[in-house]
N, C-alpha and C. Protein backbone atom coordinates (compact mmCIF):
# COMPACT_ATOMS: atom_id res chain seq x y z
N MET A 1 28.02 -8.03 -19.58
CA MET A 1 27.05 -8.91 -20.21
C MET A 1 27.78 -10.14 -20.72
N PRO A 2 27.25 -11.31 -20.42
CA PRO A 2 27.95 -12.53 -20.85
C PRO A 2 27.86 -12.70 -22.34
N ALA A 3 28.79 -13.39 -22.91
CA ALA A 3 28.85 -13.59 -24.35
C ALA A 3 27.77 -14.54 -24.83
N PHE A 4 27.34 -15.47 -24.00
CA PHE A 4 26.33 -16.45 -24.41
C PHE A 4 25.22 -16.47 -23.39
N CYS A 5 24.01 -16.15 -23.82
CA CYS A 5 22.86 -16.18 -22.91
C CYS A 5 21.81 -17.10 -23.52
N PRO A 6 21.43 -18.19 -22.86
CA PRO A 6 20.50 -19.15 -23.45
C PRO A 6 19.11 -18.55 -23.71
N THR A 7 18.62 -17.58 -22.93
CA THR A 7 17.28 -17.02 -23.15
C THR A 7 17.24 -16.17 -24.41
N GLU A 8 18.31 -15.43 -24.66
CA GLU A 8 18.35 -14.62 -25.87
C GLU A 8 18.42 -15.50 -27.11
N MET A 9 19.14 -16.58 -27.02
CA MET A 9 19.26 -17.48 -28.15
C MET A 9 17.90 -18.08 -28.51
N ARG A 10 17.11 -18.34 -27.51
CA ARG A 10 15.82 -18.95 -27.76
C ARG A 10 14.92 -18.00 -28.55
N THR A 11 14.93 -16.72 -28.28
CA THR A 11 14.08 -15.77 -28.99
C THR A 11 14.61 -15.51 -30.39
N LEU A 12 15.93 -15.57 -30.56
CA LEU A 12 16.48 -15.31 -31.89
C LEU A 12 16.33 -16.52 -32.79
N ARG A 13 16.72 -17.69 -32.29
CA ARG A 13 16.64 -18.91 -33.09
C ARG A 13 15.91 -19.97 -32.29
N PRO A 14 14.64 -20.10 -32.53
CA PRO A 14 13.91 -21.10 -31.73
C PRO A 14 14.25 -22.50 -32.19
N THR A 15 14.40 -23.36 -31.22
CA THR A 15 14.68 -24.76 -31.52
C THR A 15 13.40 -25.54 -31.67
N SER A 16 12.35 -25.12 -30.95
CA SER A 16 11.06 -25.78 -31.12
C SER A 16 9.99 -24.70 -31.30
N PRO A 17 8.93 -24.97 -32.10
CA PRO A 17 7.97 -23.92 -32.42
C PRO A 17 7.14 -23.45 -31.22
N HIS A 18 6.89 -24.29 -30.25
CA HIS A 18 6.03 -23.84 -29.15
C HIS A 18 6.79 -23.03 -28.12
N LEU A 19 8.08 -22.93 -28.23
CA LEU A 19 8.83 -22.09 -27.30
C LEU A 19 8.77 -20.62 -27.69
N SER A 20 8.74 -20.33 -29.00
CA SER A 20 8.84 -18.93 -29.42
C SER A 20 7.51 -18.31 -29.85
N THR A 21 6.50 -19.12 -30.12
CA THR A 21 5.23 -18.53 -30.57
C THR A 21 4.43 -18.06 -29.39
N PRO A 22 3.88 -16.84 -29.48
CA PRO A 22 3.05 -16.35 -28.38
C PRO A 22 1.72 -17.09 -28.39
N SER A 23 1.09 -17.16 -27.24
CA SER A 23 -0.19 -17.86 -27.16
C SER A 23 -1.25 -17.05 -27.88
N ALA A 24 -2.10 -17.72 -28.62
CA ALA A 24 -3.11 -17.03 -29.42
C ALA A 24 -4.23 -16.50 -28.55
N GLY A 25 -4.51 -17.12 -27.47
CA GLY A 25 -5.56 -16.65 -26.58
C GLY A 25 -6.94 -16.86 -27.16
N ALA A 26 -7.07 -17.74 -28.11
CA ALA A 26 -8.36 -17.97 -28.75
C ALA A 26 -9.08 -19.10 -28.05
N GLU A 27 -10.42 -19.10 -28.22
CA GLU A 27 -11.22 -20.16 -27.65
C GLU A 27 -11.10 -21.40 -28.52
N PRO A 28 -11.35 -22.53 -27.95
CA PRO A 28 -11.31 -23.75 -28.78
C PRO A 28 -12.46 -23.74 -29.78
N LEU A 29 -12.26 -24.36 -30.91
CA LEU A 29 -13.28 -24.39 -31.96
C LEU A 29 -14.51 -25.12 -31.49
N LYS A 30 -15.68 -24.61 -31.93
CA LYS A 30 -16.93 -25.26 -31.54
C LYS A 30 -17.08 -26.56 -32.29
N LYS A 31 -17.65 -27.48 -31.62
CA LYS A 31 -17.87 -28.78 -32.24
C LYS A 31 -19.03 -28.67 -33.21
N LYS A 32 -18.88 -29.24 -34.40
CA LYS A 32 -19.95 -29.17 -35.40
C LYS A 32 -21.13 -30.00 -34.95
N LYS A 33 -22.31 -29.42 -35.11
CA LYS A 33 -23.51 -30.17 -34.77
C LYS A 33 -23.77 -31.20 -35.85
N ARG A 34 -24.08 -32.36 -35.45
CA ARG A 34 -24.43 -33.39 -36.42
C ARG A 34 -25.93 -33.41 -36.56
N LEU A 35 -26.39 -33.21 -37.79
CA LEU A 35 -27.82 -33.24 -38.05
C LEU A 35 -28.24 -34.65 -38.42
N ASP A 36 -29.45 -34.91 -38.12
CA ASP A 36 -30.02 -36.21 -38.44
C ASP A 36 -30.06 -36.37 -39.97
N PRO A 37 -29.58 -37.47 -40.52
CA PRO A 37 -29.60 -37.65 -41.98
C PRO A 37 -31.01 -37.57 -42.56
N ALA A 38 -32.01 -37.92 -41.79
CA ALA A 38 -33.38 -37.84 -42.29
C ALA A 38 -33.79 -36.38 -42.48
N ILE A 39 -33.36 -35.50 -41.59
CA ILE A 39 -33.68 -34.07 -41.72
C ILE A 39 -32.98 -33.51 -42.95
N LEU A 40 -31.70 -33.84 -43.15
CA LEU A 40 -30.96 -33.37 -44.33
C LEU A 40 -31.63 -33.84 -45.62
N LYS A 41 -32.04 -35.10 -45.64
CA LYS A 41 -32.70 -35.65 -46.83
C LYS A 41 -34.02 -34.94 -47.08
N HIS A 42 -34.76 -34.65 -46.01
CA HIS A 42 -36.04 -33.95 -46.14
C HIS A 42 -35.83 -32.55 -46.72
N ARG A 43 -34.78 -31.82 -46.26
CA ARG A 43 -34.47 -30.48 -46.80
C ARG A 43 -34.14 -30.56 -48.28
N GLU A 44 -33.29 -31.50 -48.66
CA GLU A 44 -32.91 -31.64 -50.07
C GLU A 44 -34.12 -31.98 -50.93
N ASP A 45 -35.01 -32.84 -50.41
CA ASP A 45 -36.23 -33.18 -51.15
C ASP A 45 -37.10 -31.94 -51.38
N ARG A 46 -37.24 -31.11 -50.34
CA ARG A 46 -38.04 -29.88 -50.49
C ARG A 46 -37.43 -28.96 -51.55
N LYS A 47 -36.10 -28.79 -51.53
CA LYS A 47 -35.43 -27.96 -52.53
C LYS A 47 -35.67 -28.51 -53.92
N ARG A 48 -35.50 -29.83 -54.07
CA ARG A 48 -35.68 -30.46 -55.37
C ARG A 48 -37.10 -30.29 -55.87
N LYS A 49 -38.10 -30.49 -54.98
CA LYS A 49 -39.50 -30.33 -55.38
C LYS A 49 -39.82 -28.91 -55.80
N ARG A 50 -39.26 -27.94 -55.06
CA ARG A 50 -39.48 -26.54 -55.40
C ARG A 50 -38.91 -26.24 -56.79
N LEU A 51 -37.70 -26.72 -57.07
CA LEU A 51 -37.10 -26.50 -58.38
C LEU A 51 -37.90 -27.19 -59.49
N GLU A 52 -38.34 -28.41 -59.21
CA GLU A 52 -39.13 -29.13 -60.22
C GLU A 52 -40.43 -28.40 -60.52
N LYS A 53 -41.05 -27.83 -59.49
CA LYS A 53 -42.30 -27.09 -59.67
C LYS A 53 -42.06 -25.85 -60.53
N GLN A 54 -40.96 -25.13 -60.27
CA GLN A 54 -40.64 -23.95 -61.08
C GLN A 54 -40.37 -24.34 -62.53
N ILE A 55 -39.67 -25.45 -62.73
CA ILE A 55 -39.38 -25.91 -64.09
C ILE A 55 -40.66 -26.27 -64.82
N ARG A 56 -41.57 -26.97 -64.14
CA ARG A 56 -42.85 -27.32 -64.77
C ARG A 56 -43.64 -26.07 -65.15
N ARG A 57 -43.65 -25.08 -64.26
CA ARG A 57 -44.39 -23.85 -64.54
C ARG A 57 -43.78 -23.14 -65.76
N LEU A 58 -42.45 -23.10 -65.84
CA LEU A 58 -41.79 -22.46 -66.99
C LEU A 58 -42.08 -23.23 -68.28
N GLU A 59 -42.07 -24.56 -68.20
CA GLU A 59 -42.36 -25.36 -69.40
C GLU A 59 -43.79 -25.16 -69.89
N ARG A 60 -44.72 -25.03 -68.95
CA ARG A 60 -46.11 -24.81 -69.32
C ARG A 60 -46.28 -23.46 -70.02
N ASN A 61 -45.60 -22.42 -69.50
CA ASN A 61 -45.74 -21.08 -70.08
C ASN A 61 -44.86 -20.88 -71.30
N ALA A 62 -43.89 -21.76 -71.52
CA ALA A 62 -42.99 -21.60 -72.67
C ALA A 62 -43.74 -21.82 -73.98
N LYS A 63 -44.74 -22.68 -73.95
CA LYS A 63 -45.50 -22.96 -75.17
C LYS A 63 -46.40 -21.79 -75.55
N GLN A 64 -46.82 -21.03 -74.57
CA GLN A 64 -47.74 -19.93 -74.81
C GLN A 64 -46.93 -18.65 -75.02
N LEU A 65 -46.98 -18.11 -76.22
CA LEU A 65 -46.25 -16.89 -76.54
C LEU A 65 -47.09 -15.67 -76.18
N LYS A 66 -46.42 -14.64 -75.75
CA LYS A 66 -47.13 -13.41 -75.43
C LYS A 66 -47.41 -12.66 -76.73
N PRO A 67 -48.64 -12.34 -77.02
CA PRO A 67 -48.93 -11.62 -78.25
C PRO A 67 -48.54 -10.14 -78.11
N ILE A 68 -48.04 -9.62 -79.20
CA ILE A 68 -47.68 -8.21 -79.24
C ILE A 68 -48.64 -7.54 -80.22
N ASP A 69 -49.52 -6.71 -79.68
CA ASP A 69 -50.57 -6.10 -80.50
C ASP A 69 -50.00 -5.23 -81.61
N GLU A 70 -48.88 -4.56 -81.35
CA GLU A 70 -48.32 -3.66 -82.36
C GLU A 70 -47.78 -4.43 -83.56
N LEU A 71 -47.39 -5.68 -83.35
CA LEU A 71 -46.79 -6.45 -84.43
C LEU A 71 -47.82 -7.27 -85.20
N GLU A 72 -49.02 -7.36 -84.69
CA GLU A 72 -50.04 -8.13 -85.39
C GLU A 72 -50.60 -7.29 -86.53
N VAL A 73 -50.63 -7.86 -87.72
CA VAL A 73 -51.16 -7.17 -88.89
C VAL A 73 -52.68 -7.40 -88.93
N PRO A 74 -53.45 -6.32 -89.08
CA PRO A 74 -54.90 -6.51 -89.14
C PRO A 74 -55.31 -7.37 -90.34
N LEU A 75 -56.36 -8.14 -90.17
CA LEU A 75 -56.83 -9.03 -91.23
C LEU A 75 -57.23 -8.24 -92.48
N LYS A 76 -57.74 -7.05 -92.29
CA LYS A 76 -58.15 -6.20 -93.43
C LYS A 76 -56.95 -5.93 -94.35
N LEU A 77 -55.80 -5.66 -93.73
CA LEU A 77 -54.61 -5.39 -94.53
C LEU A 77 -54.08 -6.66 -95.19
N ILE A 78 -54.23 -7.78 -94.52
CA ILE A 78 -53.79 -9.05 -95.11
C ILE A 78 -54.63 -9.36 -96.35
N ASP A 79 -55.94 -9.08 -96.28
CA ASP A 79 -56.81 -9.31 -97.42
C ASP A 79 -56.47 -8.38 -98.58
N GLN A 80 -56.02 -7.15 -98.28
CA GLN A 80 -55.73 -6.17 -99.32
C GLN A 80 -54.27 -6.22 -99.78
N LYS A 81 -53.54 -7.24 -99.40
CA LYS A 81 -52.11 -7.31 -99.70
C LYS A 81 -51.83 -7.21 -101.20
N GLU A 82 -52.58 -7.95 -101.99
CA GLU A 82 -52.32 -7.95 -103.43
C GLU A 82 -52.67 -6.61 -104.06
N GLN A 83 -53.68 -5.93 -103.53
CA GLN A 83 -54.03 -4.61 -104.05
C GLN A 83 -52.96 -3.59 -103.70
N ARG A 84 -52.32 -3.76 -102.55
CA ARG A 84 -51.37 -2.77 -102.06
C ARG A 84 -49.95 -2.98 -102.59
N THR A 85 -49.63 -4.15 -103.09
CA THR A 85 -48.26 -4.37 -103.57
C THR A 85 -48.04 -3.60 -104.86
N ARG A 86 -46.88 -3.01 -104.96
CA ARG A 86 -46.53 -2.23 -106.15
C ARG A 86 -45.62 -3.06 -107.03
N VAL A 87 -45.88 -2.98 -108.27
CA VAL A 87 -45.03 -3.67 -109.23
C VAL A 87 -44.09 -2.63 -109.82
N LEU A 88 -42.84 -2.73 -109.45
CA LEU A 88 -41.85 -1.77 -109.92
C LEU A 88 -41.14 -2.33 -111.13
N THR A 89 -41.07 -1.51 -112.14
CA THR A 89 -40.34 -1.94 -113.34
C THR A 89 -38.85 -1.77 -113.07
N PRO A 90 -38.06 -2.70 -113.50
CA PRO A 90 -36.61 -2.56 -113.29
C PRO A 90 -36.08 -1.36 -114.07
N LEU A 91 -35.14 -0.66 -113.43
CA LEU A 91 -34.58 0.54 -114.05
C LEU A 91 -33.64 0.16 -115.19
N SER A 92 -33.68 0.98 -116.21
CA SER A 92 -32.81 0.71 -117.36
C SER A 92 -31.37 1.09 -117.02
N GLU A 93 -30.47 0.63 -117.86
CA GLU A 93 -29.05 0.88 -117.65
C GLU A 93 -28.73 2.37 -117.71
N THR A 94 -29.38 3.09 -118.60
CA THR A 94 -29.11 4.53 -118.74
C THR A 94 -29.58 5.31 -117.51
N VAL A 95 -30.73 4.91 -116.95
CA VAL A 95 -31.24 5.60 -115.76
C VAL A 95 -30.30 5.36 -114.58
N LEU A 96 -29.84 4.12 -114.44
CA LEU A 96 -28.90 3.82 -113.36
C LEU A 96 -27.61 4.62 -113.50
N GLU A 97 -27.13 4.72 -114.73
CA GLU A 97 -25.90 5.46 -114.99
C GLU A 97 -26.09 6.95 -114.70
N GLU A 98 -27.26 7.48 -115.07
CA GLU A 98 -27.55 8.89 -114.79
C GLU A 98 -27.58 9.15 -113.29
N ARG A 99 -28.16 8.22 -112.55
CA ARG A 99 -28.23 8.39 -111.10
C ARG A 99 -26.84 8.37 -110.47
N VAL A 100 -25.98 7.48 -110.94
CA VAL A 100 -24.62 7.41 -110.40
C VAL A 100 -23.88 8.71 -110.71
N LEU A 101 -24.01 9.20 -111.94
CA LEU A 101 -23.34 10.45 -112.30
C LEU A 101 -23.89 11.63 -111.50
N LEU A 102 -25.20 11.65 -111.30
CA LEU A 102 -25.81 12.71 -110.51
C LEU A 102 -25.31 12.67 -109.06
N GLN A 103 -25.17 11.48 -108.51
CA GLN A 103 -24.66 11.33 -107.15
C GLN A 103 -23.22 11.84 -107.06
N LYS A 104 -22.39 11.49 -108.04
CA LYS A 104 -21.00 11.97 -108.05
C LYS A 104 -20.95 13.48 -108.16
N GLU A 105 -21.79 14.03 -109.02
CA GLU A 105 -21.82 15.48 -109.21
C GLU A 105 -22.24 16.18 -107.91
N TRP A 106 -23.23 15.59 -107.22
CA TRP A 106 -23.69 16.17 -105.96
C TRP A 106 -22.59 16.13 -104.91
N CYS A 107 -21.85 15.03 -104.84
CA CYS A 107 -20.75 14.92 -103.88
C CYS A 107 -19.67 15.96 -104.16
N GLN A 108 -19.35 16.15 -105.43
CA GLN A 108 -18.34 17.15 -105.79
C GLN A 108 -18.81 18.56 -105.43
N TYR A 109 -20.08 18.85 -105.67
CA TYR A 109 -20.63 20.16 -105.35
C TYR A 109 -20.56 20.43 -103.84
N LYS A 110 -20.99 19.43 -103.02
CA LYS A 110 -20.97 19.62 -101.57
C LYS A 110 -19.53 19.75 -101.06
N HIS A 111 -18.59 19.02 -101.67
CA HIS A 111 -17.19 19.13 -101.27
C HIS A 111 -16.66 20.53 -101.56
N SER A 112 -16.93 21.02 -102.75
CA SER A 112 -16.44 22.37 -103.09
C SER A 112 -17.10 23.42 -102.21
N GLN A 113 -18.39 23.25 -101.88
CA GLN A 113 -19.08 24.19 -101.00
C GLN A 113 -18.43 24.20 -99.61
N ARG A 114 -18.08 23.04 -99.10
CA ARG A 114 -17.44 22.93 -97.79
C ARG A 114 -16.06 23.59 -97.81
N MET A 115 -15.31 23.36 -98.88
CA MET A 115 -13.98 23.97 -98.98
C MET A 115 -14.07 25.49 -99.05
N GLN A 116 -15.06 26.01 -99.78
CA GLN A 116 -15.25 27.47 -99.85
C GLN A 116 -15.57 28.04 -98.47
N ASP A 117 -16.43 27.35 -97.74
CA ASP A 117 -16.77 27.81 -96.39
C ASP A 117 -15.53 27.84 -95.49
N LEU A 118 -14.70 26.79 -95.57
CA LEU A 118 -13.48 26.76 -94.76
C LEU A 118 -12.51 27.87 -95.15
N GLN A 119 -12.42 28.14 -96.45
CA GLN A 119 -11.54 29.22 -96.91
C GLN A 119 -12.02 30.58 -96.41
N ILE A 120 -13.33 30.78 -96.42
CA ILE A 120 -13.89 32.05 -95.92
C ILE A 120 -13.59 32.22 -94.44
N ILE A 121 -13.77 31.15 -93.67
CA ILE A 121 -13.50 31.21 -92.23
C ILE A 121 -12.02 31.48 -91.98
N ASP A 122 -11.14 30.81 -92.74
CA ASP A 122 -9.70 31.04 -92.58
C ASP A 122 -9.32 32.48 -92.90
N ARG A 123 -9.89 33.01 -94.00
CA ARG A 123 -9.60 34.41 -94.37
C ARG A 123 -10.06 35.38 -93.29
N LEU A 124 -11.25 35.13 -92.73
CA LEU A 124 -11.75 36.02 -91.68
C LEU A 124 -10.87 35.96 -90.43
N LEU A 125 -10.47 34.76 -90.03
CA LEU A 125 -9.61 34.64 -88.86
C LEU A 125 -8.24 35.27 -89.09
N PHE A 126 -7.71 35.09 -90.30
CA PHE A 126 -6.40 35.68 -90.62
C PHE A 126 -6.47 37.21 -90.61
N SER A 127 -7.53 37.76 -91.23
CA SER A 127 -7.65 39.23 -91.26
C SER A 127 -7.90 39.77 -89.85
N GLN A 128 -8.64 39.05 -89.03
CA GLN A 128 -8.86 39.50 -87.65
C GLN A 128 -7.55 39.52 -86.88
N GLN A 129 -6.76 38.45 -87.02
CA GLN A 129 -5.48 38.39 -86.32
C GLN A 129 -4.52 39.47 -86.82
N LYS A 130 -4.54 39.74 -88.11
CA LYS A 130 -3.68 40.78 -88.69
C LYS A 130 -4.06 42.15 -88.14
N ALA A 131 -5.37 42.42 -88.04
CA ALA A 131 -5.84 43.70 -87.51
C ALA A 131 -5.47 43.84 -86.04
N LEU A 132 -5.56 42.76 -85.28
CA LEU A 132 -5.17 42.82 -83.87
C LEU A 132 -3.67 43.07 -83.71
N ASN A 133 -2.87 42.46 -84.58
CA ASN A 133 -1.43 42.68 -84.52
C ASN A 133 -1.08 44.14 -84.85
N GLU A 134 -1.76 44.70 -85.84
CA GLU A 134 -1.52 46.11 -86.20
C GLU A 134 -1.94 47.03 -85.06
N LEU A 135 -3.07 46.69 -84.43
CA LEU A 135 -3.55 47.50 -83.31
C LEU A 135 -2.57 47.43 -82.14
N LYS A 136 -1.96 46.25 -81.94
CA LYS A 136 -1.00 46.09 -80.85
C LYS A 136 0.24 46.94 -81.10
N LYS A 137 0.63 47.07 -82.37
CA LYS A 137 1.78 47.91 -82.70
C LYS A 137 1.48 49.39 -82.43
N GLU A 138 0.23 49.79 -82.68
CA GLU A 138 -0.15 51.19 -82.49
C GLU A 138 -0.29 51.54 -81.01
N SER A 139 -1.11 50.74 -80.31
CA SER A 139 -1.37 51.06 -78.90
C SER A 139 -1.70 49.78 -78.15
N GLU A 140 -0.96 49.55 -77.05
CA GLU A 140 -1.21 48.37 -76.22
C GLU A 140 -2.55 48.48 -75.50
N ASP A 141 -2.91 49.72 -75.09
CA ASP A 141 -4.19 49.91 -74.38
C ASP A 141 -5.37 49.59 -75.29
N LEU A 142 -5.32 50.06 -76.54
CA LEU A 142 -6.40 49.77 -77.47
C LEU A 142 -6.48 48.26 -77.76
N TYR A 143 -5.31 47.62 -77.84
CA TYR A 143 -5.29 46.17 -78.10
C TYR A 143 -5.94 45.42 -76.94
N GLN A 144 -5.59 45.80 -75.70
CA GLN A 144 -6.17 45.13 -74.53
C GLN A 144 -7.69 45.35 -74.47
N ALA A 145 -8.13 46.54 -74.85
CA ALA A 145 -9.57 46.82 -74.85
C ALA A 145 -10.27 46.01 -75.94
N ALA A 146 -9.58 45.79 -77.06
CA ALA A 146 -10.19 45.07 -78.17
C ALA A 146 -10.35 43.58 -77.87
N ILE A 147 -9.42 43.01 -77.10
CA ILE A 147 -9.52 41.57 -76.84
C ILE A 147 -10.37 41.24 -75.61
N GLN A 148 -10.87 42.27 -74.93
CA GLN A 148 -11.77 42.03 -73.79
C GLN A 148 -13.11 41.51 -74.29
N ILE A 149 -13.74 40.68 -73.45
CA ILE A 149 -15.05 40.12 -73.80
C ILE A 149 -16.11 41.18 -73.55
N ASP A 150 -17.01 41.34 -74.50
CA ASP A 150 -18.09 42.32 -74.37
C ASP A 150 -19.14 41.77 -73.41
N PRO A 151 -19.33 42.40 -72.25
CA PRO A 151 -20.29 41.86 -71.28
C PRO A 151 -21.74 41.94 -71.76
N LYS A 152 -22.01 42.79 -72.75
CA LYS A 152 -23.38 42.89 -73.27
C LYS A 152 -23.76 41.66 -74.09
N LEU A 153 -22.75 40.96 -74.64
CA LEU A 153 -23.03 39.79 -75.47
C LEU A 153 -23.15 38.51 -74.66
N ILE A 154 -22.56 38.46 -73.47
CA ILE A 154 -22.52 37.21 -72.71
C ILE A 154 -23.89 36.79 -72.18
N PRO A 155 -24.64 37.64 -71.47
CA PRO A 155 -25.94 37.15 -70.99
C PRO A 155 -26.97 37.16 -72.12
N PHE A 156 -26.76 36.31 -73.09
CA PHE A 156 -27.64 36.27 -74.27
C PHE A 156 -28.99 35.70 -73.88
N LYS A 157 -30.04 36.42 -74.22
CA LYS A 157 -31.39 35.95 -73.95
C LYS A 157 -32.21 36.10 -75.22
N ALA A 158 -32.92 35.06 -75.54
CA ALA A 158 -33.81 35.11 -76.70
C ALA A 158 -35.23 34.95 -76.18
N LYS A 159 -36.11 35.81 -76.63
CA LYS A 159 -37.49 35.73 -76.17
C LYS A 159 -38.36 35.34 -77.35
N GLY A 160 -39.09 34.27 -77.15
CA GLY A 160 -39.97 33.79 -78.20
C GLY A 160 -41.40 33.75 -77.70
N PRO A 161 -42.25 33.04 -78.38
CA PRO A 161 -43.63 32.96 -77.92
C PRO A 161 -43.71 32.20 -76.60
N VAL A 162 -44.44 32.77 -75.66
CA VAL A 162 -44.55 32.12 -74.35
C VAL A 162 -45.77 31.22 -74.27
N ARG A 163 -46.75 31.42 -75.12
CA ARG A 163 -47.94 30.57 -75.11
C ARG A 163 -48.24 30.15 -76.53
N THR A 164 -48.70 28.95 -76.66
CA THR A 164 -49.14 28.47 -77.97
C THR A 164 -50.65 28.41 -77.97
N PRO A 165 -51.25 28.54 -79.12
CA PRO A 165 -52.72 28.49 -79.14
C PRO A 165 -53.22 27.12 -78.69
N LEU A 166 -54.41 27.11 -78.10
CA LEU A 166 -54.99 25.87 -77.62
C LEU A 166 -55.40 24.98 -78.77
N ILE A 167 -55.30 23.67 -78.54
CA ILE A 167 -55.76 22.70 -79.52
C ILE A 167 -57.16 22.27 -79.09
N ASN A 168 -58.13 22.44 -79.96
CA ASN A 168 -59.50 22.09 -79.64
C ASN A 168 -59.65 20.60 -79.38
N GLN A 169 -60.42 20.25 -78.36
CA GLN A 169 -60.75 18.88 -77.99
C GLN A 169 -59.51 18.04 -77.69
N TYR A 170 -58.50 18.66 -77.11
CA TYR A 170 -57.28 17.94 -76.75
C TYR A 170 -57.39 17.46 -75.31
N GLU A 171 -57.19 16.16 -75.10
CA GLU A 171 -57.23 15.61 -73.75
C GLU A 171 -55.81 15.56 -73.21
N SER A 172 -55.61 16.23 -72.12
CA SER A 172 -54.28 16.29 -71.52
C SER A 172 -53.87 14.92 -70.98
N PRO A 173 -52.61 14.51 -71.18
CA PRO A 173 -52.18 13.19 -70.70
C PRO A 173 -51.96 13.15 -69.19
N ASP A 174 -51.97 14.30 -68.53
CA ASP A 174 -51.74 14.33 -67.09
C ASP A 174 -52.94 13.76 -66.35
N GLY A 175 -52.69 13.30 -65.15
CA GLY A 175 -53.78 12.81 -64.31
C GLY A 175 -53.87 11.30 -64.33
N GLU A 176 -55.03 10.80 -63.94
CA GLU A 176 -55.23 9.36 -63.84
C GLU A 176 -55.45 8.76 -65.23
N TYR A 177 -55.09 7.50 -65.35
CA TYR A 177 -55.36 6.78 -66.58
C TYR A 177 -55.72 5.35 -66.23
N VAL A 178 -56.37 4.71 -67.16
CA VAL A 178 -56.80 3.34 -66.94
C VAL A 178 -55.87 2.43 -67.73
N ASP A 179 -55.22 1.51 -67.03
CA ASP A 179 -54.31 0.58 -67.68
C ASP A 179 -55.13 -0.55 -68.29
N VAL A 180 -55.13 -0.63 -69.62
CA VAL A 180 -55.92 -1.65 -70.31
C VAL A 180 -55.04 -2.76 -70.88
N SER A 181 -53.76 -2.73 -70.55
CA SER A 181 -52.88 -3.77 -71.09
C SER A 181 -53.18 -5.11 -70.43
N ARG A 182 -53.09 -6.16 -71.25
CA ARG A 182 -53.40 -7.51 -70.75
C ARG A 182 -52.23 -8.04 -69.94
N LYS A 183 -52.54 -8.83 -68.96
CA LYS A 183 -51.51 -9.44 -68.11
C LYS A 183 -51.32 -10.89 -68.55
N TRP A 184 -50.07 -11.24 -68.79
CA TRP A 184 -49.72 -12.61 -69.18
C TRP A 184 -48.78 -13.15 -68.13
N GLU A 185 -49.27 -14.06 -67.37
CA GLU A 185 -48.44 -14.60 -66.29
C GLU A 185 -48.27 -16.10 -66.46
């Protein structure tokens, strides 16, 4: 094999880009169609008119608020407002102080109740673990039987009333209904 081969050199170090690049085999790019400027202007005008029409429709409906029947207060209640308002006397300093002390006392009571419950649970778990350890010392078979899950307790089923008494003159919500809600468009 000769020490210098011009064809091998060309593939390793190309001197010009079109010598080493493989042909892409692609088709030439399609020429862009030129549209008539009048057609383009007509399309843009249609888009603009459509947007302007939507904006006008939104502006027209923006002034008209949708009424919410649930939030409207009946006139009868508005007329009776003064009769229905309660005049509350301000609480005295002693009553406020009593309430604060009562609240603190209640918090302390609930805290102590919670701590007692946790202590009872801890004592029960500790005594259970102690009994299991003693049982393990006596007999491994009895210990293994004691830690097995009781299959009678797992499929727990509670049976309660299966039927409730009928409610007189109750109209069932199932079936057809008439939609009476107003349409605001």
